[in-house]
Amino acid sequence: MTEVRDAYLRATHELSKADPAKWATFLEAFKTYMVYEMERALSMQAHEALIGIGMGRRMRDLKDDFTHIEMLADKLRKATYGTL
């Protein structure tokens, strides 16, 4: 992973641990917002479709990062020999 991505994952992990209940609320809200944006992308004009696809992919990647933050943090810890 890159240094910038590592820093982002560390910060995301810290946020997820700061208040697990609020993190769960955020995660559910983000998933709902993602579905809304995906549905909106389906109604885009043909010339805007590539933008919608790209945005959808980025949102999906963020959702996966948020959902699997513990696993990603573990990988980071192992890669940096026990430090996070």
N, C-alpha and C. Protein backbone atom coordinates (compact mmCIF):
# COMPACT_ATOMS: atom_id res chain seq x y z
N MET A 1 0.84 -1.19 0.00
CA MET A 1 0.00 0.00 0.00
C MET A 1 0.88 1.25 0.00
N THR A 2 0.33 2.33 -0.48
CA THR A 2 1.09 3.57 -0.53
C THR A 2 1.02 4.27 0.82
N GLU A 3 1.94 5.18 1.04
CA GLU A 3 1.96 5.93 2.30
C GLU A 3 0.67 6.73 2.51
N VAL A 4 0.16 7.32 1.45
CA VAL A 4 -1.06 8.12 1.55
C VAL A 4 -2.24 7.21 1.90
N ARG A 5 -2.34 6.08 1.23
CA ARG A 5 -3.44 5.15 1.53
C ARG A 5 -3.28 4.59 2.94
N ASP A 6 -2.06 4.27 3.33
CA ASP A 6 -1.83 3.77 4.69
C ASP A 6 -2.31 4.78 5.73
N ALA A 7 -2.00 6.06 5.52
CA ALA A 7 -2.41 7.11 6.45
C ALA A 7 -3.94 7.21 6.49
N TYR A 8 -4.56 7.12 5.33
CA TYR A 8 -6.02 7.16 5.25
C TYR A 8 -6.63 5.98 6.01
N LEU A 9 -6.06 4.79 5.82
CA LEU A 9 -6.59 3.60 6.51
C LEU A 9 -6.38 3.70 8.02
N ARG A 10 -5.25 4.22 8.45
CA ARG A 10 -5.01 4.40 9.88
C ARG A 10 -6.04 5.36 10.49
N ALA A 11 -6.28 6.47 9.79
CA ALA A 11 -7.24 7.46 10.29
C ALA A 11 -8.66 6.87 10.31
N THR A 12 -9.00 6.12 9.28
CA THR A 12 -10.32 5.48 9.23
C THR A 12 -10.47 4.48 10.37
N HIS A 13 -9.43 3.73 10.63
CA HIS A 13 -9.47 2.75 11.71
C HIS A 13 -9.65 3.45 13.06
N GLU A 14 -8.92 4.53 13.26
CA GLU A 14 -9.05 5.29 14.52
C GLU A 14 -10.48 5.82 14.69
N LEU A 15 -11.05 6.32 13.60
CA LEU A 15 -12.44 6.80 13.67
C LEU A 15 -13.41 5.68 14.00
N SER A 16 -13.18 4.52 13.43
CA SER A 16 -14.09 3.40 13.69
C SER A 16 -14.03 2.95 15.14
N LYS A 17 -12.90 3.16 15.79
CA LYS A 17 -12.73 2.75 17.18
C LYS A 17 -13.14 3.84 18.18
N ALA A 18 -13.18 5.09 17.74
CA ALA A 18 -13.49 6.20 18.65
C ALA A 18 -14.88 6.06 19.26
N ASP A 19 -15.85 5.66 18.44
CA ASP A 19 -17.22 5.46 18.93
C ASP A 19 -17.88 4.43 18.02
N PRO A 20 -17.78 3.15 18.38
CA PRO A 20 -18.30 2.08 17.52
C PRO A 20 -19.78 2.25 17.14
N ALA A 21 -20.61 2.77 18.04
CA ALA A 21 -22.02 2.96 17.71
C ALA A 21 -22.19 4.02 16.62
N LYS A 22 -21.47 5.12 16.75
CA LYS A 22 -21.55 6.16 15.73
C LYS A 22 -20.96 5.67 14.41
N TRP A 23 -19.91 4.87 14.48
CA TRP A 23 -19.30 4.30 13.27
C TRP A 23 -20.33 3.42 12.55
N ALA A 24 -21.05 2.59 13.29
CA ALA A 24 -22.07 1.72 12.70
C ALA A 24 -23.16 2.55 12.04
N THR A 25 -23.56 3.64 12.69
CA THR A 25 -24.56 4.53 12.12
C THR A 25 -24.05 5.16 10.83
N PHE A 26 -22.80 5.64 10.86
CA PHE A 26 -22.19 6.22 9.66
C PHE A 26 -22.14 5.20 8.53
N LEU A 27 -21.72 3.99 8.83
CA LEU A 27 -21.58 2.96 7.81
C LEU A 27 -22.92 2.67 7.14
N GLU A 28 -23.97 2.54 7.93
CA GLU A 28 -25.31 2.30 7.37
C GLU A 28 -25.77 3.49 6.53
N ALA A 29 -25.52 4.70 7.01
CA ALA A 29 -25.90 5.90 6.25
C ALA A 29 -25.13 5.97 4.94
N PHE A 30 -23.86 5.63 4.96
CA PHE A 30 -23.06 5.66 3.74
C PHE A 30 -23.57 4.64 2.73
N LYS A 31 -23.90 3.44 3.21
CA LYS A 31 -24.43 2.41 2.31
C LYS A 31 -25.74 2.86 1.67
N THR A 32 -26.60 3.49 2.46
CA THR A 32 -27.86 4.00 1.93
C THR A 32 -27.62 5.08 0.90
N TYR A 33 -26.69 5.98 1.21
CA TYR A 33 -26.35 7.05 0.26
C TYR A 33 -25.76 6.47 -1.02
N MET A 34 -24.96 5.43 -0.90
CA MET A 34 -24.36 4.79 -2.06
C MET A 34 -25.45 4.23 -2.98
N VAL A 35 -26.44 3.58 -2.41
CA VAL A 35 -27.55 3.04 -3.21
C VAL A 35 -28.28 4.18 -3.93
N TYR A 36 -28.51 5.27 -3.20
CA TYR A 36 -29.15 6.44 -3.81
C TYR A 36 -28.35 6.95 -5.00
N GLU A 37 -27.05 7.08 -4.84
CA GLU A 37 -26.20 7.57 -5.93
C GLU A 37 -26.14 6.59 -7.09
N MET A 38 -26.16 5.30 -6.81
CA MET A 38 -26.16 4.29 -7.87
C MET A 38 -27.46 4.39 -8.68
N GLU A 39 -28.57 4.55 -7.99
CA GLU A 39 -29.85 4.69 -8.69
C GLU A 39 -29.88 5.97 -9.52
N ARG A 40 -29.31 7.02 -8.99
CA ARG A 40 -29.24 8.28 -9.72
C ARG A 40 -28.38 8.14 -10.98
N ALA A 41 -27.29 7.37 -10.86
CA ALA A 41 -26.40 7.17 -12.00
C ALA A 41 -27.11 6.42 -13.13
N LEU A 42 -28.07 5.58 -12.77
CA LEU A 42 -28.80 4.83 -13.79
C LEU A 42 -29.65 5.74 -14.68
N SER A 43 -29.99 6.92 -14.19
CA SER A 43 -30.81 7.83 -14.98
C SER A 43 -29.98 8.92 -15.67
N MET A 44 -28.67 8.80 -15.63
CA MET A 44 -27.81 9.80 -16.29
C MET A 44 -27.95 9.70 -17.81
N GLN A 45 -27.68 10.79 -18.44
CA GLN A 45 -27.64 10.81 -19.90
C GLN A 45 -26.46 9.94 -20.37
N ALA A 46 -26.54 9.45 -21.58
CA ALA A 46 -25.51 8.55 -22.12
C ALA A 46 -24.12 9.18 -22.06
N HIS A 47 -24.02 10.47 -22.34
CA HIS A 47 -22.70 11.12 -22.34
C HIS A 47 -22.13 11.29 -20.94
N GLU A 48 -22.95 11.09 -19.90
CA GLU A 48 -22.49 11.18 -18.51
C GLU A 48 -22.25 9.80 -17.88
N ALA A 49 -22.52 8.75 -18.63
CA ALA A 49 -22.47 7.39 -18.08
C ALA A 49 -21.09 7.02 -17.53
N LEU A 50 -20.03 7.39 -18.21
CA LEU A 50 -18.70 7.03 -17.73
C LEU A 50 -18.38 7.71 -16.41
N ILE A 51 -18.85 8.92 -16.23
CA ILE A 51 -18.66 9.61 -14.96
C ILE A 51 -19.41 8.86 -13.86
N GLY A 52 -20.64 8.45 -14.14
CA GLY A 52 -21.43 7.69 -13.17
C GLY A 52 -20.79 6.37 -12.81
N ILE A 53 -20.25 5.68 -13.80
CA ILE A 53 -19.58 4.40 -13.54
C ILE A 53 -18.36 4.61 -12.66
N GLY A 54 -17.56 5.61 -12.97
CA GLY A 54 -16.36 5.89 -12.17
C GLY A 54 -16.70 6.27 -10.74
N MET A 55 -17.71 7.11 -10.58
CA MET A 55 -18.13 7.51 -9.24
C MET A 55 -18.65 6.30 -8.47
N GLY A 56 -19.43 5.48 -9.13
CA GLY A 56 -19.95 4.27 -8.49
C GLY A 56 -18.84 3.35 -8.02
N ARG A 57 -17.84 3.18 -8.83
CA ARG A 57 -16.71 2.33 -8.45
C ARG A 57 -15.97 2.89 -7.25
N ARG A 58 -15.76 4.20 -7.22
CA ARG A 58 -15.06 4.82 -6.09
C ARG A 58 -15.88 4.69 -4.81
N MET A 59 -17.18 4.88 -4.91
CA MET A 59 -18.04 4.74 -3.73
C MET A 59 -18.03 3.29 -3.24
N ARG A 60 -18.05 2.35 -4.17
CA ARG A 60 -18.00 0.94 -3.78
C ARG A 60 -16.68 0.64 -3.08
N ASP A 61 -15.58 1.19 -3.60
CA ASP A 61 -14.28 0.98 -2.96
C ASP A 61 -14.25 1.57 -1.56
N LEU A 62 -14.81 2.76 -1.39
CA LEU A 62 -14.88 3.37 -0.06
C LEU A 62 -15.71 2.51 0.89
N LYS A 63 -16.87 2.04 0.41
CA LYS A 63 -17.72 1.19 1.23
C LYS A 63 -16.96 -0.06 1.67
N ASP A 64 -16.22 -0.66 0.73
CA ASP A 64 -15.45 -1.85 1.07
C ASP A 64 -14.37 -1.53 2.10
N ASP A 65 -13.70 -0.39 1.95
CA ASP A 65 -12.71 0.02 2.94
C ASP A 65 -13.35 0.20 4.31
N PHE A 66 -14.48 0.90 4.35
CA PHE A 66 -15.16 1.15 5.61
C PHE A 66 -15.63 -0.15 6.25
N THR A 67 -16.19 -1.03 5.44
CA THR A 67 -16.74 -2.28 5.94
C THR A 67 -15.66 -3.22 6.45
N HIS A 68 -14.52 -3.23 5.77
CA HIS A 68 -13.45 -4.18 6.10
C HIS A 68 -12.26 -3.50 6.77
N ILE A 69 -12.50 -2.42 7.50
CA ILE A 69 -11.41 -1.65 8.08
C ILE A 69 -10.57 -2.47 9.06
N GLU A 70 -11.19 -3.37 9.80
CA GLU A 70 -10.42 -4.19 10.75
C GLU A 70 -9.42 -5.08 10.01
N MET A 71 -9.88 -5.71 8.94
CA MET A 71 -9.01 -6.57 8.15
C MET A 71 -7.87 -5.76 7.52
N LEU A 72 -8.20 -4.58 7.00
CA LEU A 72 -7.18 -3.73 6.40
C LEU A 72 -6.18 -3.25 7.44
N ALA A 73 -6.66 -2.92 8.64
CA ALA A 73 -5.77 -2.48 9.72
C ALA A 73 -4.85 -3.62 10.13
N ASP A 74 -5.37 -4.85 10.17
CA ASP A 74 -4.53 -6.00 10.50
C ASP A 74 -3.43 -6.19 9.46
N LYS A 75 -3.77 -6.03 8.19
CA LYS A 75 -2.76 -6.14 7.13
C LYS A 75 -1.69 -5.06 7.30
N LEU A 76 -2.13 -3.86 7.64
CA LEU A 76 -1.19 -2.76 7.86
C LEU A 76 -0.26 -3.07 9.03
N ARG A 77 -0.83 -3.58 10.11
CA ARG A 77 -0.02 -3.93 11.28
C ARG A 77 1.01 -4.97 10.93
N LYS A 78 0.60 -5.99 10.21
CA LYS A 78 1.53 -7.06 9.82
C LYS A 78 2.61 -6.52 8.89
N ALA A 79 2.24 -5.63 7.98
CA ALA A 79 3.20 -5.07 7.04
C ALA A 79 4.22 -4.16 7.73
N THR A 80 3.81 -3.53 8.83
CA THR A 80 4.72 -2.61 9.52
C THR A 80 5.20 -3.20 10.85
N TYR A 81 5.11 -4.52 10.98
CA TYR A 81 5.63 -5.25 12.14
C TYR A 81 5.03 -4.79 13.46
N GLY A 82 3.71 -4.75 13.50
CA GLY A 82 3.04 -4.54 14.78
C GLY A 82 2.72 -3.11 15.12
N THR A 83 2.97 -2.15 14.22
CA THR A 83 2.60 -0.77 14.55
C THR A 83 1.45 -0.33 13.66
N LEU A 84 0.58 0.44 14.25
CA LEU A 84 -0.53 1.00 13.47
C LEU A 84 -0.66 2.45 13.74
